[in-house]
N, C-alpha and C. Protein backbone atom coordinates (compact mmCIF):
# COMPACT_ATOMS: atom_id res chain seq x y z
N MET A 1 38.46 66.53 218.09
CA MET A 1 38.85 67.93 218.94
C MET A 1 39.73 68.61 217.95
N GLY A 2 40.26 68.14 216.92
CA GLY A 2 41.07 68.99 216.21
C GLY A 2 40.39 70.26 215.59
N ALA A 3 39.02 70.22 215.42
CA ALA A 3 38.39 71.41 214.94
C ALA A 3 38.51 72.50 216.18
N ASP A 4 38.32 72.19 217.09
CA ASP A 4 38.27 73.16 218.41
C ASP A 4 39.44 74.04 218.34
N SER A 5 40.82 73.25 218.31
CA SER A 5 42.03 73.91 218.29
C SER A 5 42.09 75.12 217.08
N SER A 6 41.70 74.44 215.92
CA SER A 6 41.88 75.44 214.87
C SER A 6 40.91 76.69 215.00
N SER A 7 39.81 76.44 215.66
CA SER A 7 39.00 77.72 215.86
C SER A 7 39.62 78.38 216.83
N ASN A 8 40.21 78.05 217.91
CA ASN A 8 40.94 78.89 218.74
C ASN A 8 42.01 79.76 218.11
N LEU A 9 42.70 79.18 217.20
CA LEU A 9 43.64 79.83 216.48
C LEU A 9 43.26 81.16 215.89
N ASN A 10 42.00 81.09 215.34
CA ASN A 10 41.21 82.12 214.46
C ASN A 10 40.57 83.13 215.44
N MET A 11 40.74 82.93 216.76
CA MET A 11 40.02 83.69 217.60
C MET A 11 40.80 85.07 218.02
N GLY A 12 41.97 85.16 217.54
CA GLY A 12 42.82 86.45 218.01
C GLY A 12 43.64 85.96 219.05
N THR A 13 44.52 86.86 219.54
CA THR A 13 45.62 86.66 220.32
C THR A 13 44.91 87.09 221.69
N ILE A 14 45.45 86.70 222.79
CA ILE A 14 44.83 86.88 224.18
C ILE A 14 44.81 88.44 224.34
N GLU A 15 45.95 89.09 223.73
CA GLU A 15 46.07 90.74 224.09
C GLU A 15 44.73 91.34 223.49
N GLN A 16 44.07 90.77 222.47
CA GLN A 16 42.82 91.43 221.82
C GLN A 16 41.68 91.09 222.61
N ARG A 17 41.67 90.33 223.74
CA ARG A 17 40.61 90.02 224.45
C ARG A 17 40.61 90.67 225.92
N ARG A 18 39.44 90.93 226.47
CA ARG A 18 39.17 91.54 227.80
C ARG A 18 39.49 90.57 228.71
N HIS A 19 39.09 89.23 228.54
CA HIS A 19 39.13 88.11 229.64
C HIS A 19 39.76 87.04 229.13
N PRO A 20 40.46 86.20 229.75
CA PRO A 20 41.08 84.92 229.46
C PRO A 20 40.03 84.03 229.04
N ARG A 21 40.13 83.00 227.86
CA ARG A 21 39.34 82.26 227.41
C ARG A 21 39.68 80.92 227.55
N LEU A 22 38.63 79.95 228.17
CA LEU A 22 39.03 78.71 228.27
C LEU A 22 38.46 77.67 227.03
N THR A 23 39.11 76.63 226.88
CA THR A 23 38.45 75.64 225.93
C THR A 23 37.52 74.93 226.84
N VAL A 24 36.16 74.70 226.48
CA VAL A 24 35.07 74.03 227.11
C VAL A 24 34.40 73.15 226.24
N GLU A 25 33.34 72.38 226.50
CA GLU A 25 32.65 71.60 225.70
C GLU A 25 31.39 71.41 226.31
N PHE A 26 30.30 71.91 226.16
CA PHE A 26 28.98 71.80 226.57
C PHE A 26 28.02 72.38 225.38
N PHE A 27 26.69 71.87 225.75
CA PHE A 27 25.60 72.25 224.57
C PHE A 27 24.80 73.46 225.22
N ALA A 28 24.42 74.35 224.33
CA ALA A 28 23.64 75.52 224.83
C ALA A 28 22.39 75.61 224.00
N ASP A 29 21.40 76.23 224.38
CA ASP A 29 20.16 76.53 223.69
C ASP A 29 20.42 77.93 223.25
N TRP A 30 20.11 78.33 221.94
CA TRP A 30 20.29 79.70 221.73
C TRP A 30 19.34 80.12 220.40
N GLY A 31 19.23 81.23 220.26
CA GLY A 31 18.33 81.88 219.06
C GLY A 31 18.19 83.29 218.95
N TRP A 32 17.31 83.74 218.10
CA TRP A 32 17.05 85.04 217.91
C TRP A 32 16.16 85.77 218.66
N SER A 33 15.45 84.70 219.57
CA SER A 33 14.29 85.25 220.76
C SER A 33 14.75 84.24 221.82
N GLN A 34 14.22 84.88 222.87
CA GLN A 34 14.23 84.29 224.42
C GLN A 34 13.91 82.89 224.35
N GLU A 35 13.02 82.35 223.28
CA GLU A 35 12.70 80.95 223.31
C GLU A 35 13.94 80.12 222.97
N CYS A 36 15.16 80.57 222.46
CA CYS A 36 16.34 79.73 222.17
C CYS A 36 15.89 78.39 221.53
N GLU A 37 15.60 78.64 220.08
CA GLU A 37 15.07 77.52 219.27
C GLU A 37 16.18 76.48 218.76
N PHE A 38 17.51 76.93 218.81
CA PHE A 38 18.33 75.86 218.37
C PHE A 38 19.30 75.53 219.50
N TYR A 39 19.94 74.56 219.19
CA TYR A 39 21.05 73.63 220.11
C TYR A 39 22.13 73.47 219.55
N ASP A 40 23.26 74.05 220.10
CA ASP A 40 24.69 73.58 219.47
C ASP A 40 25.58 73.85 220.67
N ARG A 41 27.00 73.47 220.18
CA ARG A 41 28.10 73.39 221.14
C ARG A 41 28.71 74.71 221.48
N VAL A 42 29.07 74.81 222.87
CA VAL A 42 29.88 76.05 223.11
C VAL A 42 31.38 75.34 223.38
N THR A 43 32.47 75.92 222.63
CA THR A 43 33.53 75.19 222.54
C THR A 43 34.67 76.13 223.40
N SER A 44 34.52 77.45 223.49
CA SER A 44 35.31 78.11 224.46
C SER A 44 34.45 79.19 225.11
N LEU A 45 34.92 79.64 226.19
CA LEU A 45 34.20 80.44 227.17
C LEU A 45 35.09 81.56 227.88
N SER A 46 34.64 82.86 228.00
CA SER A 46 35.27 83.77 228.82
C SER A 46 34.05 84.68 229.62
N LEU A 47 34.54 85.48 230.54
CA LEU A 47 33.38 86.14 230.99
C LEU A 47 32.79 87.03 230.31
N SER A 48 33.26 87.42 229.17
CA SER A 48 32.83 88.50 228.14
C SER A 48 32.26 87.94 226.97
N GLY A 49 32.33 86.43 226.71
CA GLY A 49 31.87 86.06 225.40
C GLY A 49 32.14 84.52 225.27
N CYS A 50 31.87 83.74 224.07
CA CYS A 50 32.02 82.59 224.07
C CYS A 50 32.02 82.21 222.32
N PHE A 51 32.65 80.89 221.98
CA PHE A 51 32.55 80.59 220.67
C PHE A 51 31.38 79.40 220.56
N LEU A 52 30.54 79.80 219.66
CA LEU A 52 29.11 78.80 219.44
C LEU A 52 29.56 77.97 218.19
N ALA A 53 29.82 76.77 218.32
CA ALA A 53 29.95 76.03 217.04
C ALA A 53 28.66 75.54 216.51
N THR A 54 28.51 76.40 215.22
CA THR A 54 27.15 76.05 214.54
C THR A 54 27.25 76.23 213.03
N LYS A 55 26.42 75.52 212.39
CA LYS A 55 26.62 75.69 210.88
C LYS A 55 25.42 76.69 210.60
N ARG A 56 24.85 77.35 211.42
CA ARG A 56 23.86 78.51 210.97
C ARG A 56 24.39 79.62 210.63
N GLU A 57 23.91 80.36 209.60
CA GLU A 57 24.27 81.71 209.21
C GLU A 57 24.20 82.66 210.09
N LEU A 58 24.99 83.59 210.75
CA LEU A 58 24.98 84.44 211.75
C LEU A 58 25.81 85.67 211.16
N GLY A 59 25.15 86.84 211.27
CA GLY A 59 25.69 88.14 210.69
C GLY A 59 26.23 88.90 211.82
N SER A 60 27.46 89.46 211.59
CA SER A 60 28.11 90.53 212.38
C SER A 60 27.31 91.30 213.06
N GLY A 61 27.16 91.68 214.27
CA GLY A 61 26.54 92.56 214.84
C GLY A 61 25.11 92.14 215.44
N GLN A 62 24.62 90.97 214.72
CA GLN A 62 23.46 90.48 215.07
C GLN A 62 23.32 89.95 216.49
N GLU A 63 21.99 90.26 217.21
CA GLU A 63 21.84 89.90 218.63
C GLU A 63 21.34 88.60 218.68
N ILE A 64 21.91 87.76 219.78
CA ILE A 64 21.25 86.41 219.88
C ILE A 64 20.92 86.04 221.54
N TYR A 65 20.25 85.18 221.78
CA TYR A 65 19.94 84.69 223.25
C TYR A 65 20.56 83.41 223.32
N LEU A 66 21.39 83.24 224.66
CA LEU A 66 21.78 82.05 224.93
C LEU A 66 21.37 81.54 226.24
N ARG A 67 21.12 80.15 226.46
CA ARG A 67 20.78 79.63 227.63
C ARG A 67 21.20 78.28 227.81
N TRP A 68 21.70 78.06 229.04
CA TRP A 68 22.13 76.70 229.41
C TRP A 68 21.94 76.40 230.95
N ASN A 69 21.69 75.16 231.51
CA ASN A 69 21.68 74.83 232.98
C ASN A 69 22.82 74.06 233.34
N VAL A 70 23.42 74.55 234.19
CA VAL A 70 24.44 73.94 234.84
C VAL A 70 24.26 73.23 236.16
N GLU A 71 24.56 72.00 236.43
CA GLU A 71 24.51 71.49 237.51
C GLU A 71 25.10 72.13 238.84
N ARG A 72 24.33 72.35 239.79
CA ARG A 72 24.84 73.07 241.03
C ARG A 72 25.07 74.70 240.80
N ILE A 73 24.99 75.22 239.74
CA ILE A 73 24.91 76.56 239.31
C ILE A 73 23.54 77.08 239.03
N GLY A 74 22.76 76.26 238.18
CA GLY A 74 21.42 76.84 237.84
C GLY A 74 21.44 77.49 236.50
N ALA A 75 20.48 78.07 236.07
CA ALA A 75 20.18 78.84 234.70
C ALA A 75 21.04 79.92 234.39
N ILE A 76 21.82 79.86 233.28
CA ILE A 76 22.44 80.87 232.79
C ILE A 76 21.73 81.40 231.53
N ASN A 77 21.17 82.65 231.52
CA ASN A 77 20.51 83.34 230.29
C ASN A 77 21.54 84.31 229.90
N LEU A 78 21.73 84.69 228.74
CA LEU A 78 22.33 85.80 228.22
C LEU A 78 22.06 86.11 227.02
N LYS A 79 22.36 87.35 226.80
CA LYS A 79 22.19 88.09 225.50
C LYS A 79 23.57 88.37 224.91
N GLY A 80 23.78 88.01 223.56
CA GLY A 80 25.11 88.23 222.85
C GLY A 80 24.88 89.08 221.71
N SER A 81 26.12 89.41 221.28
CA SER A 81 26.23 90.03 219.81
C SER A 81 27.29 89.24 219.00
N VAL A 82 26.89 88.88 217.88
CA VAL A 82 27.91 88.25 216.88
C VAL A 82 28.95 89.16 216.57
N ARG A 83 30.02 88.56 216.75
CA ARG A 83 31.28 89.49 216.45
C ARG A 83 31.97 89.05 215.16
N TYR A 84 31.91 87.76 214.70
CA TYR A 84 32.54 87.32 213.57
C TYR A 84 31.95 85.86 213.44
N GLN A 85 31.98 85.20 212.23
CA GLN A 85 31.75 83.89 211.83
C GLN A 85 33.07 83.12 211.14
N ILE A 86 33.16 82.14 211.51
CA ILE A 86 34.30 81.17 210.82
C ILE A 86 33.92 80.26 209.91
N ARG A 87 34.39 80.13 208.73
CA ARG A 87 34.32 79.24 207.49
C ARG A 87 35.65 78.63 207.36
N VAL A 88 35.42 77.42 207.00
CA VAL A 88 36.74 76.69 206.65
C VAL A 88 37.13 77.16 205.39
N MET A 89 36.32 77.48 204.33
CA MET A 89 36.82 78.27 203.14
C MET A 89 35.73 78.96 202.54
N GLU A 90 35.94 79.81 201.74
CA GLU A 90 35.03 80.85 200.94
C GLU A 90 33.75 79.92 200.44
N GLY A 91 32.67 80.44 200.73
CA GLY A 91 31.56 79.78 200.22
C GLY A 91 30.91 78.39 200.82
N ALA A 92 31.88 77.94 201.94
CA ALA A 92 31.34 76.82 202.63
C ALA A 92 30.36 77.22 203.77
N ARG A 93 29.84 76.20 204.47
CA ARG A 93 28.86 76.47 205.37
C ARG A 93 29.72 76.97 206.68
N PRO A 94 29.32 77.82 207.46
CA PRO A 94 30.14 78.33 208.66
C PRO A 94 30.38 77.34 209.68
N THR A 95 31.44 77.26 210.48
CA THR A 95 31.84 76.31 211.52
C THR A 95 31.43 76.96 212.83
N GLY A 96 31.30 78.02 212.85
CA GLY A 96 30.79 78.78 214.33
C GLY A 96 30.97 80.03 214.34
N ALA A 97 30.71 80.82 215.46
CA ALA A 97 30.70 82.17 215.35
C ALA A 97 31.06 82.72 216.90
N GLY A 98 31.91 83.82 216.91
CA GLY A 98 32.37 84.23 218.13
C GLY A 98 31.29 85.42 218.57
N ILE A 99 30.94 85.25 219.86
CA ILE A 99 29.87 85.90 220.54
C ILE A 99 30.38 86.74 221.50
N GLU A 100 30.00 87.97 221.82
CA GLU A 100 30.32 88.79 222.93
C GLU A 100 29.14 88.99 223.86
N PHE A 101 29.13 88.75 225.02
CA PHE A 101 27.94 88.76 225.89
C PHE A 101 27.66 90.45 226.07
N VAL A 102 26.15 90.59 226.15
CA VAL A 102 25.85 91.94 226.38
C VAL A 102 25.02 92.15 227.57
N GLY A 103 25.49 93.08 228.33
CA GLY A 103 24.44 93.54 229.51
C GLY A 103 24.46 92.25 230.67
N VAL A 104 25.63 91.64 231.00
CA VAL A 104 25.59 90.65 231.78
C VAL A 104 25.40 91.31 233.35
N SER A 105 24.61 90.49 234.02
CA SER A 105 24.26 91.01 235.51
C SER A 105 25.21 90.51 236.44
N GLY A 106 25.38 91.13 237.45
CA GLY A 106 26.34 90.58 238.47
C GLY A 106 26.30 89.00 238.79
N ASP A 107 24.87 88.59 238.97
CA ASP A 107 24.53 87.23 239.32
C ASP A 107 25.05 86.26 238.23
N ILE A 108 24.71 86.78 237.20
CA ILE A 108 25.04 85.77 235.91
C ILE A 108 26.78 85.92 235.86
N LEU A 109 27.19 86.91 236.12
CA LEU A 109 28.63 86.69 236.04
C LEU A 109 29.54 86.12 237.19
N LYS A 110 28.70 86.03 238.47
CA LYS A 110 29.41 85.01 239.39
C LYS A 110 29.10 83.54 238.87
N LYS A 111 28.05 83.42 238.14
CA LYS A 111 27.49 81.81 237.64
C LYS A 111 28.78 81.44 236.56
N LEU A 112 28.99 82.44 235.63
CA LEU A 112 30.14 82.25 234.78
C LEU A 112 31.44 81.93 235.46
N GLN A 113 31.65 82.84 236.39
CA GLN A 113 33.20 82.57 237.07
C GLN A 113 33.15 81.17 237.63
N VAL A 114 32.04 80.69 238.25
CA VAL A 114 31.84 79.28 238.78
C VAL A 114 32.16 78.22 237.75
N LEU A 115 31.32 78.47 236.66
CA LEU A 115 31.33 77.47 235.50
C LEU A 115 32.72 77.40 234.90
N MET A 116 33.45 78.53 234.76
CA MET A 116 34.67 78.64 234.43
C MET A 116 35.78 77.78 235.21
N GLU A 117 35.68 78.23 236.61
CA GLU A 117 36.59 77.39 237.47
C GLU A 117 36.27 75.95 237.42
N SER A 118 35.19 75.34 237.27
CA SER A 118 34.80 74.07 237.14
C SER A 118 35.72 73.41 235.94
N PHE A 119 35.63 74.21 234.58
CA PHE A 119 36.42 73.68 233.50
C PHE A 119 38.00 73.73 233.86
N ASP A 120 38.31 74.90 234.41
CA ASP A 120 39.83 75.19 234.74
C ASP A 120 40.38 74.02 235.50
N LYS A 121 39.69 73.42 236.56
CA LYS A 121 40.09 72.52 237.27
C LYS A 121 40.20 71.07 236.68
N SER A 122 39.53 70.97 235.82
CA SER A 122 39.57 69.58 234.78
C SER A 122 40.64 69.26 233.99
């Protein structure tokens, strides 16, 4: 779990974010198309974005799709824009990327709120 806490330190201060971010732990399908061909962990979540722990190369500004199913909430399908990528050191493989959600519908926003409340209570 130490890697998660170091990732959170690199994500900026709360004043730089539009919404509070929670530490979470779940897997998500994601990819450059709606087929979401990859599978990695989401380690933090807010109403406006998430941190995707992945060793895949992602470029700033690149758009991706995210998909996950949550028991009692249903499917959450999102489009996101890569804001930054974290590496432990120069030249090393990435450890993850900060993703900002794009064009979130009211229905998906409600599902995100319910999901975040479930992690906040645990």
